[in-house]
Amino acid sequence: MSFIEVTKQLLSGFGTTCLLFILTILFALPLGLIICFGSTTRFKPLRYVTRAFVWIIRGTPLMLQLFVVFYVPGMLFDSPIFATLENGRFIAALIAFVINYACYFSEIFRGGIESISKGQYEAAAVLGMSKGQTFFHVVLPQVIKRIIPPMSNEIITLVKDTSLARVISVIDIIFAAETILSLKALMWPLFYAGAFYLVFNGVLTLLFGYVERKLNYYKV
């Protein structure tokens, strides 16, 4: 099997990897903020339930969560729901990744929000700003600055975690490399696939470094 043929197959799988990564970020970030609000609310029942949910998700392996999302609905309704849908395996993987990373992002958001001193809230109130104005114009810009380093670590981890989607037969780049290994007995495509992850994470590292430099005007 030639280098070009291997590259084509890996690029096809890498497209799925990139799509899973992008969609997870798009859905997990806003969901993480919502979960953050639930875990910091003054309404105790909601706060306890939200924090218990986050604890369960963060305390169990992502691989197990993939199996739960893919298989449990079918067991409950006596029908393989995701297996019968077009792109059902990808959808199941996306749901599991979004829930998992939303919980991690929520804790990062919570830490950033709680790091803002009460004096800034009081100063904004004195200036006549509403709670919404205070959050979006005073708190959020500083929170974004503070959470960039931990958020970048989680996002880079997400790139590598997408390889777990293959356990429910999502055809990502690692699945494609393993298929070549099983059919052609070629080991080097697995290492070649690793180069894709290195380049992807290298680009993200440069991007986050640029963002951190652009946000240096927030002295926190």
C-alpha atoms as a PDB file:
ATOM      1  CA  MET A   1       0.000   0.000   0.000  1.00  0.00           C
ATOM      2  CA  SER A   2       1.580   3.269  -1.116  1.00  0.00           C
ATOM      3  CA  PHE A   3       2.183   6.353   1.003  1.00  0.00           C
ATOM      4  CA  ILE A   4      -0.338   8.341  -1.051  1.00  0.00           C
ATOM      5  CA  GLU A   5      -3.085   5.735  -0.562  1.00  0.00           C
ATOM      6  CA  VAL A   6      -2.452   5.642   3.167  1.00  0.00           C
ATOM      7  CA  THR A   7      -2.514   9.434   3.311  1.00  0.00           C
ATOM      8  CA  LYS A   8      -5.878   9.552   1.533  1.00  0.00           C
ATOM      9  CA  GLN A   9      -7.424   7.091   3.984  1.00  0.00           C
ATOM     10  CA  LEU A  10      -5.998   8.904   6.990  1.00  0.00           C
ATOM     11  CA  LEU A  11      -7.177  12.276   5.690  1.00  0.00           C
ATOM     12  CA  SER A  12     -10.690  10.873   5.363  1.00  0.00           C
ATOM     13  CA  GLY A  13     -10.588   9.757   8.992  1.00  0.00           C
ATOM     14  CA  PHE A  14      -8.963  13.034  10.049  1.00  0.00           C
ATOM     15  CA  GLY A  15     -11.927  14.899   8.589  1.00  0.00           C
ATOM     16  CA  THR A  16     -14.196  13.031  11.008  1.00  0.00           C
ATOM     17  CA  THR A  17     -11.785  13.774  13.865  1.00  0.00           C
ATOM     18  CA  CYS A  18     -11.821  17.494  13.054  1.00  0.00           C
ATOM     19  CA  LEU A  19     -15.618  17.570  12.739  1.00  0.00           C
ATOM     20  CA  LEU A  20     -16.049  15.848  16.099  1.00  0.00           C
ATOM     21  CA  PHE A  21     -13.591  18.279  17.676  1.00  0.00           C
ATOM     22  CA  ILE A  22     -15.223  21.406  16.233  1.00  0.00           C
ATOM     23  CA  LEU A  23     -18.793  20.395  17.062  1.00  0.00           C
ATOM     24  CA  THR A  24     -17.802  19.397  20.590  1.00  0.00           C
ATOM     25  CA  ILE A  25     -16.278  22.832  21.180  1.00  0.00           C
ATOM     26  CA  LEU A  26     -19.300  24.644  19.685  1.00  0.00           C
ATOM     27  CA  PHE A  27     -21.796  22.808  21.881  1.00  0.00           C
ATOM     28  CA  ALA A  28     -19.739  22.152  25.034  1.00  0.00           C
ATOM     29  CA  LEU A  29     -18.667  25.752  25.678  1.00  0.00           C
ATOM     30  CA  PRO A  30     -22.184  27.261  25.997  1.00  0.00           C
ATOM     31  CA  LEU A  31     -23.477  24.147  27.774  1.00  0.00           C
ATOM     32  CA  GLY A  32     -20.553  24.381  30.188  1.00  0.00           C
ATOM     33  CA  LEU A  33     -21.494  27.974  31.006  1.00  0.00           C
ATOM     34  CA  ILE A  34     -25.094  26.904  31.680  1.00  0.00           C
ATOM     35  CA  ILE A  35     -23.909  24.078  33.947  1.00  0.00           C
ATOM     36  CA  CYS A  36     -21.626  26.578  35.689  1.00  0.00           C
ATOM     37  CA  PHE A  37     -24.600  28.798  36.461  1.00  0.00           C
ATOM     38  CA  GLY A  38     -26.453  25.752  37.804  1.00  0.00           C
ATOM     39  CA  SER A  39     -23.556  24.779  40.074  1.00  0.00           C
ATOM     40  CA  THR A  40     -23.247  28.316  41.484  1.00  0.00           C
ATOM     41  CA  THR A  41     -26.925  29.197  41.857  1.00  0.00           C
ATOM     42  CA  ARG A  42     -28.336  30.088  45.263  1.00  0.00           C
ATOM     43  CA  PHE A  43     -31.159  27.589  44.695  1.00  0.00           C
ATOM     44  CA  LYS A  44     -29.654  24.713  46.671  1.00  0.00           C
ATOM     45  CA  PRO A  45     -31.527  21.736  45.119  1.00  0.00           C
ATOM     46  CA  LEU A  46     -30.418  22.745  41.615  1.00  0.00           C
ATOM     47  CA  ARG A  47     -26.882  23.444  42.817  1.00  0.00           C
ATOM     48  CA  TYR A  48     -26.587  20.045  44.521  1.00  0.00           C
ATOM     49  CA  VAL A  49     -28.022  18.153  41.531  1.00  0.00           C
ATOM     50  CA  THR A  50     -25.747  19.999  39.089  1.00  0.00           C
ATOM     51  CA  ARG A  51     -22.627  19.436  41.156  1.00  0.00           C
ATOM     52  CA  ALA A  52     -23.502  15.752  41.627  1.00  0.00           C
ATOM     53  CA  PHE A  53     -23.898  15.393  37.855  1.00  0.00           C
ATOM     54  CA  VAL A  54     -20.546  17.103  37.229  1.00  0.00           C
ATOM     55  CA  TRP A  55     -18.908  14.868  39.851  1.00  0.00           C
ATOM     56  CA  ILE A  56     -20.232  11.719  38.152  1.00  0.00           C
ATOM     57  CA  ILE A  57     -19.157  12.794  34.670  1.00  0.00           C
ATOM     58  CA  ARG A  58     -15.697  13.909  35.788  1.00  0.00           C
ATOM     59  CA  GLY A  59     -15.247  10.827  37.933  1.00  0.00           C
ATOM     60  CA  THR A  60     -15.984   8.200  35.277  1.00  0.00           C
ATOM     61  CA  PRO A  61     -13.995   7.356  32.122  1.00  0.00           C
ATOM     62  CA  LEU A  62     -15.011   8.969  28.857  1.00  0.00           C
ATOM     63  CA  MET A  63     -14.864   5.544  27.202  1.00  0.00           C
ATOM     64  CA  LEU A  64     -17.537   4.273  29.607  1.00  0.00           C
ATOM     65  CA  GLN A  65     -19.688   7.310  28.841  1.00  0.00           C
ATOM     66  CA  LEU A  66     -19.411   6.556  25.122  1.00  0.00           C
ATOM     67  CA  PHE A  67     -20.710   3.036  25.742  1.00  0.00           C
ATOM     68  CA  VAL A  68     -23.529   4.353  27.940  1.00  0.00           C
ATOM     69  CA  VAL A  69     -24.716   6.903  25.375  1.00  0.00           C
ATOM     70  CA  PHE A  70     -24.484   4.438  22.490  1.00  0.00           C
ATOM     71  CA  TYR A  71     -25.899   1.290  24.088  1.00  0.00           C
ATOM     72  CA  VAL A  72     -28.132   2.253  27.037  1.00  0.00           C
ATOM     73  CA  PRO A  73     -30.914   4.040  25.064  1.00  0.00           C
ATOM     74  CA  GLY A  74     -31.210   0.947  22.866  1.00  0.00           C
ATOM     75  CA  MET A  75     -31.448  -1.272  25.936  1.00  0.00           C
ATOM     76  CA  LEU A  76     -34.124   0.918  27.517  1.00  0.00           C
ATOM     77  CA  PHE A  77     -36.280   1.131  24.396  1.00  0.00           C
ATOM     78  CA  ASP A  78     -35.434  -2.358  23.114  1.00  0.00           C
ATOM     79  CA  SER A  79     -34.137  -0.898  19.844  1.00  0.00           C
ATOM     80  CA  PRO A  80     -30.594   0.011  18.724  1.00  0.00           C
ATOM     81  CA  ILE A  81     -31.418   3.691  18.289  1.00  0.00           C
ATOM     82  CA  PHE A  82     -28.053   5.082  17.255  1.00  0.00           C
ATOM     83  CA  ALA A  83     -27.039   2.012  15.265  1.00  0.00           C
ATOM     84  CA  THR A  84     -30.049   2.430  12.977  1.00  0.00           C
ATOM     85  CA  LEU A  85     -29.601   6.170  12.383  1.00  0.00           C
ATOM     86  CA  GLU A  86     -27.524   7.569   9.562  1.00  0.00           C
ATOM     87  CA  ASN A  87     -24.307   8.758  11.209  1.00  0.00           C
ATOM     88  CA  GLY A  88     -25.803   7.462  14.464  1.00  0.00           C
ATOM     89  CA  ARG A  89     -22.447   6.358  15.859  1.00  0.00           C
ATOM     90  CA  PHE A  90     -20.982   9.796  15.228  1.00  0.00           C
ATOM     91  CA  ILE A  91     -24.001  11.447  16.889  1.00  0.00           C
ATOM     92  CA  ALA A  92     -23.654   9.206  19.946  1.00  0.00           C
ATOM     93  CA  ALA A  93     -19.967  10.048  20.200  1.00  0.00           C
ATOM     94  CA  LEU A  94     -20.723  13.757  19.850  1.00  0.00           C
ATOM     95  CA  ILE A  95     -23.329  13.625  22.646  1.00  0.00           C
ATOM     96  CA  ALA A  96     -20.897  11.847  24.976  1.00  0.00           C
ATOM     97  CA  PHE A  97     -18.065  14.279  24.203  1.00  0.00           C
ATOM     98  CA  VAL A  98     -20.262  17.362  24.609  1.00  0.00           C
ATOM     99  CA  ILE A  99     -21.579  16.244  28.000  1.00  0.00           C
ATOM    100  CA  ASN A 100     -18.129  15.242  29.230  1.00  0.00           C
ATOM    101  CA  TYR A 101     -16.317  18.386  28.173  1.00  0.00           C
ATOM    102  CA  ALA A 102     -19.170  20.693  29.168  1.00  0.00           C
ATOM    103  CA  CYS A 103     -18.723  19.461  32.741  1.00  0.00           C
ATOM    104  CA  TYR A 104     -14.983  20.100  32.650  1.00  0.00           C
ATOM    105  CA  PHE A 105     -15.497  23.516  31.070  1.00  0.00           C
ATOM    106  CA  SER A 106     -18.117  24.373  33.716  1.00  0.00           C
ATOM    107  CA  GLU A 107     -15.558  23.916  36.481  1.00  0.00           C
ATOM    108  CA  ILE A 108     -13.092  26.113  34.634  1.00  0.00           C
ATOM    109  CA  PHE A 109     -15.775  28.788  34.208  1.00  0.00           C
ATOM    110  CA  ARG A 110     -16.731  28.478  37.881  1.00  0.00           C
ATOM    111  CA  GLY A 111     -13.142  28.902  39.009  1.00  0.00           C
ATOM    112  CA  GLY A 112     -12.726  31.953  36.796  1.00  0.00           C
ATOM    113  CA  ILE A 113     -15.930  33.599  37.986  1.00  0.00           C
ATOM    114  CA  GLU A 114     -15.233  32.930  41.662  1.00  0.00           C
ATOM    115  CA  SER A 115     -11.741  34.419  41.302  1.00  0.00           C
ATOM    116  CA  ILE A 116     -13.205  37.873  40.667  1.00  0.00           C
ATOM    117  CA  SER A 117     -13.217  39.911  43.873  1.00  0.00           C
ATOM    118  CA  LYS A 118     -16.522  41.037  45.391  1.00  0.00           C
ATOM    119  CA  GLY A 119     -15.246  44.602  45.326  1.00  0.00           C
ATOM    120  CA  GLN A 120     -15.650  44.728  41.565  1.00  0.00           C
ATOM    121  CA  TYR A 121     -19.288  43.695  41.824  1.00  0.00           C
ATOM    122  CA  GLU A 122     -19.850  46.351  44.484  1.00  0.00           C
ATOM    123  CA  ALA A 123     -18.124  49.009  42.390  1.00  0.00           C
ATOM    124  CA  ALA A 124     -20.280  48.123  39.379  1.00  0.00           C
ATOM    125  CA  ALA A 125     -23.423  48.350  41.549  1.00  0.00           C
ATOM    126  CA  VAL A 126     -22.370  51.784  42.784  1.00  0.00           C
ATOM    127  CA  LEU A 127     -22.037  52.880  39.157  1.00  0.00           C
ATOM    128  CA  GLY A 128     -25.629  51.788  38.557  1.00  0.00           C
ATOM    129  CA  MET A 129     -24.845  48.751  36.419  1.00  0.00           C
ATOM    130  CA  SER A 130     -27.313  45.871  36.363  1.00  0.00           C
ATOM    131  CA  LYS A 131     -26.246  42.301  37.174  1.00  0.00           C
ATOM    132  CA  GLY A 132     -26.231  41.466  33.474  1.00  0.00           C
ATOM    133  CA  GLN A 133     -24.105  44.484  32.598  1.00  0.00           C
ATOM    134  CA  THR A 134     -21.737  43.702  35.449  1.00  0.00           C
ATOM    135  CA  PHE A 135     -21.286  40.126  34.286  1.00  0.00           C
ATOM    136  CA  PHE A 136     -20.792  40.808  30.571  1.00  0.00           C
ATOM    137  CA  HIS A 137     -18.833  44.075  30.783  1.00  0.00           C
ATOM    138  CA  VAL A 138     -16.827  43.703  33.982  1.00  0.00           C
ATOM    139  CA  VAL A 139     -16.592  40.050  35.006  1.00  0.00           C
ATOM    140  CA  LEU A 140     -16.603  38.086  31.744  1.00  0.00           C
ATOM    141  CA  PRO A 141     -13.637  39.848  30.046  1.00  0.00           C
ATOM    142  CA  GLN A 142     -11.480  39.133  33.094  1.00  0.00           C
ATOM    143  CA  VAL A 143     -12.740  35.558  33.368  1.00  0.00           C
ATOM    144  CA  ILE A 144     -11.833  34.892  29.731  1.00  0.00           C
ATOM    145  CA  LYS A 145      -8.302  36.134  30.388  1.00  0.00           C
ATOM    146  CA  ARG A 146      -7.913  33.896  33.437  1.00  0.00           C
ATOM    147  CA  ILE A 147      -9.362  30.715  31.956  1.00  0.00           C
ATOM    148  CA  ILE A 148      -7.395  30.700  28.682  1.00  0.00           C
ATOM    149  CA  PRO A 149      -4.500  28.546  30.038  1.00  0.00           C
ATOM    150  CA  PRO A 150      -6.664  25.801  31.648  1.00  0.00           C
ATOM    151  CA  MET A 151      -9.131  25.947  28.763  1.00  0.00           C
ATOM    152  CA  SER A 152      -6.346  25.500  26.217  1.00  0.00           C
ATOM    153  CA  ASN A 153      -5.147  22.413  28.102  1.00  0.00           C
ATOM    154  CA  GLU A 154      -8.626  20.866  28.001  1.00  0.00           C
ATOM    155  CA  ILE A 155      -9.091  21.654  24.316  1.00  0.00           C
ATOM    156  CA  ILE A 156      -5.735  20.101  23.418  1.00  0.00           C
ATOM    157  CA  THR A 157      -6.721  17.050  25.469  1.00  0.00           C
ATOM    158  CA  LEU A 158      -9.973  16.925  23.492  1.00  0.00           C
ATOM    159  CA  VAL A 159      -8.010  16.588  20.249  1.00  0.00           C
ATOM    160  CA  LYS A 160      -6.390  13.418  21.562  1.00  0.00           C
ATOM    161  CA  ASP A 161      -9.564  12.118  23.230  1.00  0.00           C
ATOM    162  CA  THR A 162     -11.402  12.090  19.908  1.00  0.00           C
ATOM    163  CA  SER A 163      -9.509   8.862  19.187  1.00  0.00           C
ATOM    164  CA  LEU A 164     -11.747   7.152  21.776  1.00  0.00           C
ATOM    165  CA  ALA A 165     -14.691   7.484  19.377  1.00  0.00           C
ATOM    166  CA  ARG A 166     -13.362   4.450  17.532  1.00  0.00           C
ATOM    167  CA  VAL A 167     -14.575   2.188  20.394  1.00  0.00           C
ATOM    168  CA  ILE A 168     -18.102   2.598  19.005  1.00  0.00           C
ATOM    169  CA  SER A 169     -16.798   2.285  15.429  1.00  0.00           C
ATOM    170  CA  VAL A 170     -16.675   5.950  14.487  1.00  0.00           C
ATOM    171  CA  ILE A 171     -14.274   6.044  11.536  1.00  0.00           C
ATOM    172  CA  ASP A 172     -11.765   8.606  12.752  1.00  0.00           C
ATOM    173  CA  ILE A 173      -8.093   8.791  11.847  1.00  0.00           C
ATOM    174  CA  ILE A 174      -7.008   6.155  14.389  1.00  0.00           C
ATOM    175  CA  PHE A 175      -9.778   3.808  13.227  1.00  0.00           C
ATOM    176  CA  ALA A 176      -8.529   4.270   9.657  1.00  0.00           C
ATOM    177  CA  ALA A 177      -4.931   3.540  10.705  1.00  0.00           C
ATOM    178  CA  GLU A 178      -5.999   0.432  12.655  1.00  0.00           C
ATOM    179  CA  THR A 179      -7.967  -0.793   9.636  1.00  0.00           C
ATOM    180  CA  ILE A 180      -4.856  -0.534   7.482  1.00  0.00           C
ATOM    181  CA  LEU A 181      -2.902  -2.373  10.186  1.00  0.00           C
ATOM    182  CA  SER A 182      -5.391  -5.249  10.307  1.00  0.00           C
ATOM    183  CA  LEU A 183      -5.791  -5.571   6.534  1.00  0.00           C
ATOM    184  CA  LYS A 184      -2.273  -4.832   5.300  1.00  0.00           C
ATOM    185  CA  ALA A 185      -0.186  -5.600   8.409  1.00  0.00           C
ATOM    186  CA  LEU A 186       1.403  -2.141   8.216  1.00  0.00           C
ATOM    187  CA  MET A 187       2.408  -0.524  11.501  1.00  0.00           C
ATOM    188  CA  TRP A 188       3.766   2.792  10.238  1.00  0.00           C
ATOM    189  CA  PRO A 189       0.334   4.337   9.443  1.00  0.00           C
ATOM    190  CA  LEU A 190      -0.362   4.431  13.202  1.00  0.00           C
ATOM    191  CA  PHE A 191       2.732   6.577  13.765  1.00  0.00           C
ATOM    192  CA  TYR A 192       1.813   8.619  10.696  1.00  0.00           C
ATOM    193  CA  ALA A 193      -1.601   9.262  12.267  1.00  0.00           C
ATOM    194  CA  GLY A 194       0.193  10.512  15.369  1.00  0.00           C
ATOM    195  CA  ALA A 195       1.870  13.166  13.225  1.00  0.00           C
ATOM    196  CA  PHE A 196      -1.560  14.558  12.354  1.00  0.00           C
ATOM    197  CA  TYR A 197      -2.315  15.018  16.062  1.00  0.00           C
ATOM    198  CA  LEU A 198       1.067  16.676  16.637  1.00  0.00           C
ATOM    199  CA  VAL A 199       0.481  19.191  13.848  1.00  0.00           C
ATOM    200  CA  PHE A 200      -3.096  19.867  14.962  1.00  0.00           C
ATOM    201  CA  ASN A 201      -2.051  20.461  18.567  1.00  0.00           C
ATOM    202  CA  GLY A 202       0.887  22.555  17.417  1.00  0.00           C
ATOM    203  CA  VAL A 203      -1.470  24.880  15.556  1.00  0.00           C
ATOM    204  CA  LEU A 204      -3.754  25.110  18.593  1.00  0.00           C
ATOM    205  CA  THR A 205      -0.801  25.887  20.868  1.00  0.00           C
ATOM    206  CA  LEU A 206       0.242  28.764  18.610  1.00  0.00           C
ATOM    207  CA  LEU A 207      -3.351  30.001  18.433  1.00  0.00           C
ATOM    208  CA  PHE A 208      -3.817  30.033  22.199  1.00  0.00           C
ATOM    209  CA  GLY A 209      -0.455  31.722  22.642  1.00  0.00           C
ATOM    210  CA  TYR A 210      -1.612  34.463  20.281  1.00  0.00           C
ATOM    211  CA  VAL A 211      -4.923  34.843  22.162  1.00  0.00           C
ATOM    212  CA  GLU A 212      -3.101  35.143  25.504  1.00  0.00           C
ATOM    213  CA  ARG A 213      -0.871  37.874  24.104  1.00  0.00           C
ATOM    214  CA  LYS A 214      -3.868  39.766  22.715  1.00  0.00           C
ATOM    215  CA  LEU A 215      -5.567  39.652  26.138  1.00  0.00           C
ATOM    216  CA  ASN A 216      -2.545  40.986  28.028  1.00  0.00           C
ATOM    217  CA  TYR A 217      -4.205  44.369  28.364  1.00  0.00           C
ATOM    218  CA  TYR A 218      -6.368  42.835  31.110  1.00  0.00           C
ATOM    219  CA  LYS A 219      -4.097  43.146  34.114  1.00  0.00           C
ATOM    220  CA  VAL A 220      -5.449  40.593  36.553  1.00  0.00           C
END
